[in-house]
Amino acid sequence: MIGPIGITQEQAEEHFDFIMDLTETQRVCWKITREDGKSAMMVPVNEIPHVPEELQTQVEEFQKQFLEANNAASGSNNLD
């Protein structure tokens, strides 16, 4: 990732399409500062593909079984 590169709000507005393209294609981060000194960041976001419902259900079921097995195992180890 490159940056953050500081620019003014006015510059960001004037060149929005250009900085958006650089953000997407070159993973450039921008620190955009307003006249009053407040700032915001424009950063690339990693797109994560949607997890299929079936896979999500399988993961949740595995998690449930795993936690139940660990709870049962830790319960049998109690000596009090």
N, C-alpha and C. Protein backbone atom coordinates (compact mmCIF):
# COMPACT_ATOMS: atom_id res chain seq x y z
N MET A 1 0.84 -1.16 0.00
CA MET A 1 0.00 0.00 0.00
C MET A 1 0.89 1.24 0.00
N ILE A 2 0.49 2.27 -0.70
CA ILE A 2 1.26 3.50 -0.83
C ILE A 2 0.55 4.60 -0.03
N GLY A 3 1.32 5.37 0.70
CA GLY A 3 0.74 6.53 1.37
C GLY A 3 0.66 6.35 2.87
N PRO A 4 -0.07 7.20 3.53
CA PRO A 4 -1.05 8.11 2.93
C PRO A 4 -0.40 9.35 2.32
N ILE A 5 -1.01 9.80 1.25
CA ILE A 5 -0.59 11.02 0.57
C ILE A 5 -1.57 12.10 0.97
N GLY A 6 -1.05 13.20 1.49
CA GLY A 6 -1.90 14.29 1.96
C GLY A 6 -2.34 15.19 0.82
N ILE A 7 -3.65 15.43 0.76
CA ILE A 7 -4.22 16.37 -0.21
C ILE A 7 -5.33 17.15 0.49
N THR A 8 -5.71 18.26 -0.12
CA THR A 8 -6.81 19.05 0.43
C THR A 8 -8.14 18.51 -0.07
N GLN A 9 -9.20 18.91 0.61
CA GLN A 9 -10.54 18.51 0.17
C GLN A 9 -10.81 19.05 -1.23
N GLU A 10 -10.37 20.25 -1.49
CA GLU A 10 -10.57 20.85 -2.81
C GLU A 10 -9.88 20.02 -3.90
N GLN A 11 -8.64 19.60 -3.63
CA GLN A 11 -7.92 18.77 -4.59
C GLN A 11 -8.65 17.43 -4.80
N ALA A 12 -9.13 16.87 -3.72
CA ALA A 12 -9.85 15.59 -3.81
C ALA A 12 -11.11 15.73 -4.67
N GLU A 13 -11.82 16.82 -4.47
CA GLU A 13 -13.04 17.05 -5.25
C GLU A 13 -12.73 17.26 -6.72
N GLU A 14 -11.69 18.05 -7.00
CA GLU A 14 -11.33 18.36 -8.39
C GLU A 14 -10.82 17.13 -9.15
N HIS A 15 -10.15 16.23 -8.45
CA HIS A 15 -9.50 15.09 -9.10
C HIS A 15 -10.03 13.75 -8.58
N PHE A 16 -11.29 13.73 -8.18
CA PHE A 16 -11.85 12.55 -7.52
C PHE A 16 -11.69 11.28 -8.35
N ASP A 17 -12.06 11.31 -9.62
CA ASP A 17 -11.97 10.11 -10.46
C ASP A 17 -10.52 9.60 -10.54
N PHE A 18 -9.58 10.52 -10.65
CA PHE A 18 -8.16 10.15 -10.74
C PHE A 18 -7.69 9.49 -9.44
N ILE A 19 -7.97 10.12 -8.29
CA ILE A 19 -7.49 9.53 -7.04
C ILE A 19 -8.23 8.22 -6.72
N MET A 20 -9.48 8.13 -7.14
CA MET A 20 -10.20 6.87 -6.94
C MET A 20 -9.57 5.76 -7.77
N ASP A 21 -9.19 6.06 -9.01
CA ASP A 21 -8.51 5.08 -9.86
C ASP A 21 -7.19 4.63 -9.24
N LEU A 22 -6.40 5.59 -8.73
CA LEU A 22 -5.13 5.23 -8.09
C LEU A 22 -5.37 4.40 -6.83
N THR A 23 -6.41 4.72 -6.10
CA THR A 23 -6.73 3.96 -4.89
C THR A 23 -7.04 2.52 -5.25
N GLU A 24 -7.83 2.32 -6.29
CA GLU A 24 -8.22 0.97 -6.70
C GLU A 24 -7.09 0.19 -7.36
N THR A 25 -6.41 0.83 -8.31
CA THR A 25 -5.44 0.08 -9.12
C THR A 25 -4.06 0.01 -8.49
N GLN A 26 -3.63 1.05 -7.79
CA GLN A 26 -2.29 1.10 -7.22
C GLN A 26 -2.28 1.01 -5.70
N ARG A 27 -3.46 0.85 -5.10
CA ARG A 27 -3.61 0.72 -3.64
C ARG A 27 -3.01 1.91 -2.90
N VAL A 28 -3.32 3.12 -3.41
CA VAL A 28 -2.84 4.36 -2.81
C VAL A 28 -3.83 4.78 -1.71
N CYS A 29 -3.28 5.22 -0.57
CA CYS A 29 -4.08 5.77 0.53
C CYS A 29 -3.96 7.29 0.50
N TRP A 30 -5.06 7.96 0.80
CA TRP A 30 -5.07 9.42 0.79
C TRP A 30 -5.54 9.95 2.13
N LYS A 31 -4.88 10.99 2.61
CA LYS A 31 -5.36 11.74 3.78
C LYS A 31 -5.90 13.04 3.23
N ILE A 32 -7.21 13.20 3.32
CA ILE A 32 -7.89 14.36 2.76
C ILE A 32 -8.20 15.32 3.91
N THR A 33 -7.66 16.54 3.82
CA THR A 33 -7.80 17.51 4.90
C THR A 33 -8.66 18.70 4.47
N ARG A 34 -9.63 19.02 5.32
CA ARG A 34 -10.51 20.16 5.08
C ARG A 34 -9.83 21.45 5.53
N GLU A 35 -10.42 22.59 5.18
CA GLU A 35 -9.86 23.88 5.56
C GLU A 35 -9.82 24.07 7.07
N ASP A 36 -10.76 23.44 7.79
CA ASP A 36 -10.79 23.58 9.25
C ASP A 36 -9.80 22.66 9.95
N GLY A 37 -9.01 21.90 9.16
CA GLY A 37 -7.98 21.03 9.73
C GLY A 37 -8.42 19.60 9.99
N LYS A 38 -9.71 19.32 9.89
CA LYS A 38 -10.19 17.95 10.09
C LYS A 38 -9.85 17.13 8.85
N SER A 39 -9.57 15.85 9.10
CA SER A 39 -9.13 14.98 8.00
C SER A 39 -9.93 13.69 7.96
N ALA A 40 -9.89 13.08 6.80
CA ALA A 40 -10.48 11.75 6.59
C ALA A 40 -9.53 10.99 5.68
N MET A 41 -9.67 9.67 5.69
CA MET A 41 -8.82 8.82 4.86
C MET A 41 -9.64 8.20 3.73
N MET A 42 -9.02 8.07 2.57
CA MET A 42 -9.56 7.27 1.48
C MET A 42 -8.56 6.13 1.30
N VAL A 43 -9.03 4.90 1.51
CA VAL A 43 -8.14 3.74 1.45
C VAL A 43 -8.77 2.64 0.61
N PRO A 44 -7.94 1.80 -0.01
CA PRO A 44 -8.49 0.66 -0.74
C PRO A 44 -9.07 -0.36 0.23
N VAL A 45 -10.09 -1.05 -0.22
CA VAL A 45 -10.74 -2.08 0.59
C VAL A 45 -10.59 -3.41 -0.11
N ASN A 46 -10.11 -4.40 0.62
CA ASN A 46 -10.03 -5.74 0.06
C ASN A 46 -11.44 -6.31 -0.06
N GLU A 47 -11.80 -6.68 -1.25
CA GLU A 47 -13.11 -7.27 -1.48
C GLU A 47 -13.05 -8.75 -1.13
N ILE A 48 -13.92 -9.15 -0.24
CA ILE A 48 -13.98 -10.55 0.17
C ILE A 48 -15.22 -11.16 -0.46
N PRO A 49 -15.05 -12.25 -1.20
CA PRO A 49 -16.21 -12.85 -1.84
C PRO A 49 -17.20 -13.36 -0.79
N HIS A 50 -18.45 -13.35 -1.15
CA HIS A 50 -19.52 -13.81 -0.28
C HIS A 50 -19.33 -15.30 0.03
N VAL A 51 -19.50 -15.65 1.30
CA VAL A 51 -19.39 -17.05 1.72
C VAL A 51 -20.75 -17.71 1.46
N PRO A 52 -20.76 -18.82 0.71
CA PRO A 52 -22.02 -19.49 0.44
C PRO A 52 -22.71 -19.93 1.74
N GLU A 53 -24.02 -19.87 1.74
CA GLU A 53 -24.82 -20.21 2.92
C GLU A 53 -24.50 -21.61 3.43
N GLU A 54 -24.34 -22.56 2.53
CA GLU A 54 -24.05 -23.94 2.93
C GLU A 54 -22.73 -24.04 3.69
N LEU A 55 -21.71 -23.33 3.20
CA LEU A 55 -20.42 -23.34 3.87
C LEU A 55 -20.51 -22.67 5.23
N GLN A 56 -21.25 -21.56 5.32
CA GLN A 56 -21.42 -20.87 6.59
C GLN A 56 -22.10 -21.79 7.60
N THR A 57 -23.09 -22.54 7.16
CA THR A 57 -23.79 -23.48 8.04
C THR A 57 -22.85 -24.57 8.52
N GLN A 58 -22.01 -25.09 7.63
CA GLN A 58 -21.05 -26.13 8.01
C GLN A 58 -20.05 -25.61 9.04
N VAL A 59 -19.58 -24.39 8.86
CA VAL A 59 -18.62 -23.80 9.79
C VAL A 59 -19.28 -23.62 11.16
N GLU A 60 -20.51 -23.13 11.18
CA GLU A 60 -21.20 -22.93 12.45
C GLU A 60 -21.44 -24.26 13.16
N GLU A 61 -21.79 -25.30 12.41
CA GLU A 61 -22.00 -26.62 13.01
C GLU A 61 -20.69 -27.18 13.56
N PHE A 62 -19.61 -27.03 12.82
CA PHE A 62 -18.30 -27.48 13.30
C PHE A 62 -17.92 -26.73 14.58
N GLN A 63 -18.14 -25.43 14.58
CA GLN A 63 -17.82 -24.63 15.76
C GLN A 63 -18.62 -25.11 16.97
N LYS A 64 -19.89 -25.37 16.78
CA LYS A 64 -20.75 -25.84 17.87
C LYS A 64 -20.24 -27.18 18.40
N GLN A 65 -19.94 -28.13 17.52
CA GLN A 65 -19.44 -29.44 17.93
C GLN A 65 -18.09 -29.31 18.64
N PHE A 66 -17.23 -28.46 18.12
CA PHE A 66 -15.91 -28.26 18.71
C PHE A 66 -16.02 -27.72 20.13
N LEU A 67 -16.85 -26.68 20.29
CA LEU A 67 -17.01 -26.09 21.61
C LEU A 67 -17.66 -27.08 22.59
N GLU A 68 -18.63 -27.83 22.13
CA GLU A 68 -19.27 -28.83 23.00
C GLU A 68 -18.26 -29.89 23.42
N ALA A 69 -17.43 -30.35 22.50
CA ALA A 69 -16.43 -31.37 22.81
C ALA A 69 -15.41 -30.82 23.81
N ASN A 70 -14.98 -29.58 23.63
CA ASN A 70 -14.01 -28.98 24.55
C ASN A 70 -14.63 -28.74 25.93
N ASN A 71 -15.88 -28.33 25.97
CA ASN A 71 -16.55 -28.12 27.25
C ASN A 71 -16.71 -29.44 27.99
N ALA A 72 -17.05 -30.50 27.26
CA ALA A 72 -17.21 -31.82 27.89
C ALA A 72 -15.86 -32.32 28.38
N ALA A 73 -14.81 -32.12 27.60
CA ALA A 73 -13.48 -32.60 28.00
C ALA A 73 -12.97 -31.81 29.20
N SER A 74 -13.17 -30.51 29.22
CA SER A 74 -12.68 -29.71 30.36
C SER A 74 -13.53 -29.98 31.60
N GLY A 75 -14.80 -30.32 31.43
CA GLY A 75 -15.65 -30.66 32.56
C GLY A 75 -15.24 -31.96 33.20
N SER A 76 -14.75 -32.91 32.43
CA SER A 76 -14.35 -34.22 32.98
C SER A 76 -12.99 -34.15 33.66
N ASN A 77 -12.24 -33.06 33.43
CA ASN A 77 -10.93 -32.90 34.04
C ASN A 77 -10.99 -32.21 35.40
N ASN A 78 -12.19 -31.73 35.78
CA ASN A 78 -12.31 -31.06 37.08
C ASN A 78 -12.19 -32.07 38.20
N LEU A 79 -11.37 -31.77 39.19
CA LEU A 79 -11.13 -32.70 40.30
C LEU A 79 -11.84 -32.24 41.55
N ASP A 80 -12.67 -31.23 41.51
CA ASP A 80 -13.33 -30.76 42.70
C ASP A 80 -14.68 -31.33 42.80
